[in-house]
Structure formats: structure tokens, C-alpha cells
Amino acid sequence: MSEEFAEIREKRCKFLKAVYDLAHGRPTAHVSKADVALRLGMDVGDREGFDEFMAIVQYFDDLGCIRTCQSGAEGYREYGDLRITGQGVDKVEESAR
């Protein structure tokens, strides 16, 4: 496994865990994307960091582990909140075993 791939996997694991922690494991809780990025130490202020962060969001959204909640202008998925799904909770709790 390449070092770059290992780094991506590590960030993905930390991302889902951060969403889980911030939501206190509750699928009904909304979590701010900014809080998740802060917890991961990702700089979403620059384009590269932002794109990397949104790629992780999209990855877990596609898997059904999180849902993005739009707020404000329709279609601006980069703003607003996330919710962890039951499937996302299971994934985090399985990896903790």
C-alpha cells in the first residue's frame, strides 16, 4: 500500500470518528463541517485543503455513512452540517472493537 493511500485511509478513519464524536454517536445530531475540519487539523481555508476535505465528505456520503444537510443557498454542499447515519455509527463502533 502506498504511503499516500495509507494517509488517505487514516484521514478517512479520523473523519468518520470525528463526526461520530461530535454527534455523540447520535444519528439525529447535526455536526458542523467546520468543526470536523478543525478536529482533523485540516486547513479548509485554501483550495487544496478544502477539496481534500470535500472529497472525504463525498466518499462517506456515497457510502451512506453520513448525510450532508444543506443550509442557506441550495446546492452549496460545502456549507452546512453533516449527520452520521446508523450505518456510519456501526462502522465506527466496529472499528473500535
C-alpha atoms as a PDB file:
ATOM      1  CA  MET A   1       0.000   0.000   0.000  1.00  0.00           C
ATOM      2  CA  SER A   2       1.421   3.364  -0.971  1.00  0.00           C
ATOM      3  CA  GLU A   3       2.171   5.927   1.698  1.00  0.00           C
ATOM      4  CA  GLU A   4      -0.258   8.377   0.091  1.00  0.00           C
ATOM      5  CA  PHE A   5      -3.065   5.806   0.168  1.00  0.00           C
ATOM      6  CA  ALA A   6      -2.316   4.970   3.816  1.00  0.00           C
ATOM      7  CA  GLU A   7      -2.557   8.689   4.618  1.00  0.00           C
ATOM      8  CA  ILE A   8      -5.934   8.973   2.860  1.00  0.00           C
ATOM      9  CA  ARG A   9      -7.254   5.925   4.744  1.00  0.00           C
ATOM     10  CA  GLU A  10      -6.041   7.387   8.041  1.00  0.00           C
ATOM     11  CA  LYS A  11      -7.788  10.716   7.331  1.00  0.00           C
ATOM     12  CA  ARG A  12     -10.997   8.896   6.378  1.00  0.00           C
ATOM     13  CA  CYS A  13     -10.958   6.914   9.633  1.00  0.00           C
ATOM     14  CA  LYS A  14     -10.330  10.071  11.649  1.00  0.00           C
ATOM     15  CA  PHE A  15     -13.038  11.949   9.731  1.00  0.00           C
ATOM     16  CA  LEU A  16     -15.775   9.434  10.483  1.00  0.00           C
ATOM     17  CA  LYS A  17     -14.654   9.160  14.116  1.00  0.00           C
ATOM     18  CA  ALA A  18     -14.715  12.973  14.434  1.00  0.00           C
ATOM     19  CA  VAL A  19     -18.280  13.146  13.073  1.00  0.00           C
ATOM     20  CA  TYR A  20     -19.268  10.322  15.447  1.00  0.00           C
ATOM     21  CA  ASP A  21     -17.626  12.009  18.466  1.00  0.00           C
ATOM     22  CA  LEU A  22     -19.083  15.435  17.717  1.00  0.00           C
ATOM     23  CA  ALA A  23     -22.546  13.873  17.298  1.00  0.00           C
ATOM     24  CA  HIS A  24     -22.064  11.841  20.499  1.00  0.00           C
ATOM     25  CA  GLY A  25     -22.909   8.761  18.409  1.00  0.00           C
ATOM     26  CA  ARG A  26     -26.409  10.064  17.660  1.00  0.00           C
ATOM     27  CA  PRO A  27     -27.632   9.891  14.031  1.00  0.00           C
ATOM     28  CA  THR A  28     -30.070  12.755  14.729  1.00  0.00           C
ATOM     29  CA  ALA A  29     -27.351  15.234  15.753  1.00  0.00           C
ATOM     30  CA  HIS A  30     -26.136  17.816  13.247  1.00  0.00           C
ATOM     31  CA  VAL A  31     -22.389  18.451  13.152  1.00  0.00           C
ATOM     32  CA  SER A  32     -20.742  21.469  11.553  1.00  0.00           C
ATOM     33  CA  LYS A  33     -18.300  20.701   8.730  1.00  0.00           C
ATOM     34  CA  ALA A  34     -16.045  23.438  10.112  1.00  0.00           C
ATOM     35  CA  ASP A  35     -15.877  21.646  13.491  1.00  0.00           C
ATOM     36  CA  VAL A  36     -14.979  18.357  11.807  1.00  0.00           C
ATOM     37  CA  ALA A  37     -12.221  20.016   9.731  1.00  0.00           C
ATOM     38  CA  LEU A  38     -10.885  21.722  12.867  1.00  0.00           C
ATOM     39  CA  ARG A  39     -10.795  18.438  14.784  1.00  0.00           C
ATOM     40  CA  LEU A  40      -8.866  16.838  11.898  1.00  0.00           C
ATOM     41  CA  GLY A  41      -6.455  19.759  11.740  1.00  0.00           C
ATOM     42  CA  MET A  42      -7.312  20.247   8.057  1.00  0.00           C
ATOM     43  CA  ASP A  43      -6.927  23.715   6.626  1.00  0.00           C
ATOM     44  CA  VAL A  44     -10.052  24.171   4.533  1.00  0.00           C
ATOM     45  CA  GLY A  45      -9.197  27.832   4.025  1.00  0.00           C
ATOM     46  CA  ASP A  46      -7.105  27.007   0.983  1.00  0.00           C
ATOM     47  CA  ARG A  47      -8.459  25.350  -2.134  1.00  0.00           C
ATOM     48  CA  GLU A  48      -6.360  22.183  -1.863  1.00  0.00           C
ATOM     49  CA  GLY A  49      -7.332  21.521   1.756  1.00  0.00           C
ATOM     50  CA  PHE A  50     -10.959  22.314   1.012  1.00  0.00           C
ATOM     51  CA  ASP A  51     -11.049  19.961  -1.995  1.00  0.00           C
ATOM     52  CA  GLU A  52      -9.413  17.190   0.039  1.00  0.00           C
ATOM     53  CA  PHE A  53     -11.920  17.637   2.861  1.00  0.00           C
ATOM     54  CA  MET A  54     -14.897  17.672   0.475  1.00  0.00           C
ATOM     55  CA  ALA A  55     -13.598  14.508  -1.240  1.00  0.00           C
ATOM     56  CA  ILE A  56     -13.763  12.735   2.143  1.00  0.00           C
ATOM     57  CA  VAL A  57     -17.268  14.122   2.755  1.00  0.00           C
ATOM     58  CA  GLN A  58     -18.362  12.871  -0.685  1.00  0.00           C
ATOM     59  CA  TYR A  59     -16.766   9.442  -0.081  1.00  0.00           C
ATOM     60  CA  PHE A  60     -18.770   8.830   3.108  1.00  0.00           C
ATOM     61  CA  ASP A  61     -21.917  10.400   1.656  1.00  0.00           C
ATOM     62  CA  ASP A  62     -21.696   7.957  -1.283  1.00  0.00           C
ATOM     63  CA  LEU A  63     -21.205   5.036   1.137  1.00  0.00           C
ATOM     64  CA  GLY A  64     -24.246   6.126   3.144  1.00  0.00           C
ATOM     65  CA  CYS A  65     -22.262   6.688   6.354  1.00  0.00           C
ATOM     66  CA  ILE A  66     -23.109  10.389   6.555  1.00  0.00           C
ATOM     67  CA  ARG A  67     -25.684  12.729   5.133  1.00  0.00           C
ATOM     68  CA  THR A  68     -24.949  16.321   4.222  1.00  0.00           C
ATOM     69  CA  CYS A  69     -27.569  18.817   5.287  1.00  0.00           C
ATOM     70  CA  GLN A  70     -27.901  21.890   3.118  1.00  0.00           C
ATOM     71  CA  SER A  71     -28.217  25.211   4.793  1.00  0.00           C
ATOM     72  CA  GLY A  72     -28.622  28.512   3.072  1.00  0.00           C
ATOM     73  CA  ALA A  73     -28.289  28.643  -0.698  1.00  0.00           C
ATOM     74  CA  GLU A  74     -29.444  25.446  -2.371  1.00  0.00           C
ATOM     75  CA  GLY A  75     -26.702  23.404  -3.940  1.00  0.00           C
ATOM     76  CA  TYR A  76     -23.829  24.726  -1.856  1.00  0.00           C
ATOM     77  CA  ARG A  77     -22.976  21.431  -0.213  1.00  0.00           C
ATOM     78  CA  GLU A  78     -19.727  22.793   1.191  1.00  0.00           C
ATOM     79  CA  TYR A  79     -21.658  24.828   3.741  1.00  0.00           C
ATOM     80  CA  GLY A  80     -23.875  23.457   6.419  1.00  0.00           C
ATOM     81  CA  ASP A  81     -23.878  20.368   8.523  1.00  0.00           C
ATOM     82  CA  LEU A  82     -23.347  16.645   8.476  1.00  0.00           C
ATOM     83  CA  ARG A  83     -25.242  13.870  10.186  1.00  0.00           C
ATOM     84  CA  ILE A  84     -23.780  10.437  10.813  1.00  0.00           C
ATOM     85  CA  THR A  85     -26.142   7.639   9.756  1.00  0.00           C
ATOM     86  CA  GLY A  86     -26.848   4.393  11.594  1.00  0.00           C
ATOM     87  CA  GLN A  87     -24.522   2.721   9.109  1.00  0.00           C
ATOM     88  CA  GLY A  88     -21.779   5.247   9.927  1.00  0.00           C
ATOM     89  CA  VAL A  89     -22.244   4.646  13.660  1.00  0.00           C
ATOM     90  CA  ASP A  90     -21.922   0.876  13.085  1.00  0.00           C
ATOM     91  CA  LYS A  91     -18.739   1.382  11.055  1.00  0.00           C
ATOM     92  CA  VAL A  92     -17.081   3.494  13.777  1.00  0.00           C
ATOM     93  CA  GLU A  93     -18.149   1.138  16.581  1.00  0.00           C
ATOM     94  CA  GLU A  94     -16.987  -1.948  14.632  1.00  0.00           C
ATOM     95  CA  SER A  95     -13.532  -0.447  14.076  1.00  0.00           C
ATOM     96  CA  ALA A  96     -13.289   0.352  17.810  1.00  0.00           C
ATOM     97  CA  ARG A  97     -13.714  -3.322  18.745  1.00  0.00           C
END
